[in-house]
Protein backbone atom coordinates (compact mmCIF):
# COMPACT_ATOMS: atom_id res chain seq x y z
CA MET A 1 120.07 94.40 114.30
CA ASN A 2 117.60 96.07 116.47
CA PRO A 3 114.72 93.57 117.05
CA LYS A 4 111.95 95.59 114.65
CA ASP A 5 113.68 95.67 111.46
CA GLN A 6 113.39 91.86 111.09
CA TYR A 7 109.81 92.81 110.06
CA LEU A 8 111.03 94.40 107.79
CA ILE A 9 112.86 91.28 105.82
CA LYS A 10 109.78 89.51 106.66
CA ASP A 11 107.92 88.18 103.59
CA ILE A 12 104.48 89.07 103.68
CA PRO A 13 102.00 88.50 100.75
CA GLU A 14 100.52 91.67 98.76
CA THR A 15 96.69 90.14 99.98
CA ILE A 16 95.29 88.53 102.53
CA GLN A 17 91.92 86.62 101.52
CA THR A 18 89.21 84.64 103.04
CA LYS A 19 85.83 83.78 102.29
CA HIS A 20 84.13 87.60 102.62
CA THR A 21 87.51 89.77 103.29
CA THR A 22 90.47 91.35 101.14
CA ILE A 23 93.29 92.80 103.37
CA ARG A 24 95.29 94.63 101.00
CA ARG A 25 97.39 98.15 100.47
CA TYR A 26 95.11 101.15 98.40
CA ARG A 27 95.96 101.17 95.14
CA ASN A 28 95.44 103.67 92.47
CA GLY A 29 91.96 103.96 92.23
CA ASP A 30 90.33 102.95 95.38
CA GLY A 31 88.91 106.19 95.77
CA VAL A 32 86.20 105.53 92.75
CA PRO A 33 84.69 102.66 95.32
CA ILE A 34 85.61 104.40 98.42
CA TYR A 35 83.54 107.52 97.98
CA ALA A 36 80.99 104.84 96.40
CA LEU A 37 81.02 103.15 99.64
CA ALA A 38 80.60 107.20 101.62
CA GLU A 39 77.26 107.46 98.94
CA ARG A 40 75.67 104.61 99.08
CA LYS A 41 72.60 104.34 101.20
CA ASN A 42 72.65 106.70 104.58
CA ASN A 43 76.36 105.59 104.50
CA ARG A 44 77.32 108.77 105.63
CA GLU A 45 75.03 109.35 108.60
CA HIS A 46 76.55 105.38 109.88
CA LEU A 47 79.95 106.09 109.31
CA LYS A 48 80.50 109.50 110.71
CA GLY A 49 82.39 108.82 114.67
CA ILE A 50 83.55 106.17 113.32
CA ALA A 51 85.01 107.20 110.20
CA ASP A 52 84.55 110.56 109.65
CA ASP A 53 87.81 111.46 106.85
CA VAL A 54 85.02 108.91 104.82
CA ALA A 55 81.87 110.51 106.11
CA GLY A 56 83.16 113.91 104.72
CA LEU A 57 84.09 113.68 101.63
CA LYS A 58 82.88 116.13 99.11
CA SER A 59 84.29 114.23 95.53
CA VAL A 60 85.92 110.79 93.54
CA GLU A 61 88.74 113.05 93.50
CA GLU A 62 89.10 114.00 97.60
CA ALA A 63 88.95 110.39 97.92
CA GLU A 64 91.06 109.19 94.95
CA VAL A 65 94.06 111.14 97.29
CA LYS A 66 93.32 110.43 100.29
CA ALA A 67 93.95 106.60 99.16
CA ARG A 68 96.67 107.57 97.93
CA LYS A 69 98.23 109.90 101.22
CA HIS A 70 97.40 105.79 102.77
CA ARG A 71 99.50 104.66 100.65
CA ALA A 72 102.14 106.65 100.93
CA GLU A 73 101.53 106.05 104.92
CA TRP A 74 102.07 102.75 104.61
CA ALA A 75 105.17 102.63 102.91
CA LYS A 76 106.93 104.72 104.98
CA ARG A 77 106.67 101.58 107.32
């Protein structure tokens, strides 16, 4: 077996949650909160240079497409 393949058979939880943080892969519908984050207060300016892909979102639909593409990329790993 290829040494990297050992990670494919390990059970990894769908969600890892702590008191302040939740880590999970993207889900359908995540475009709404992603876009809301970009729109909130002056976040676009703060996100420039750090998360340009989020700072440049023009619509909820564009954010949803981005989230679904990231979900597909995750599944490829």
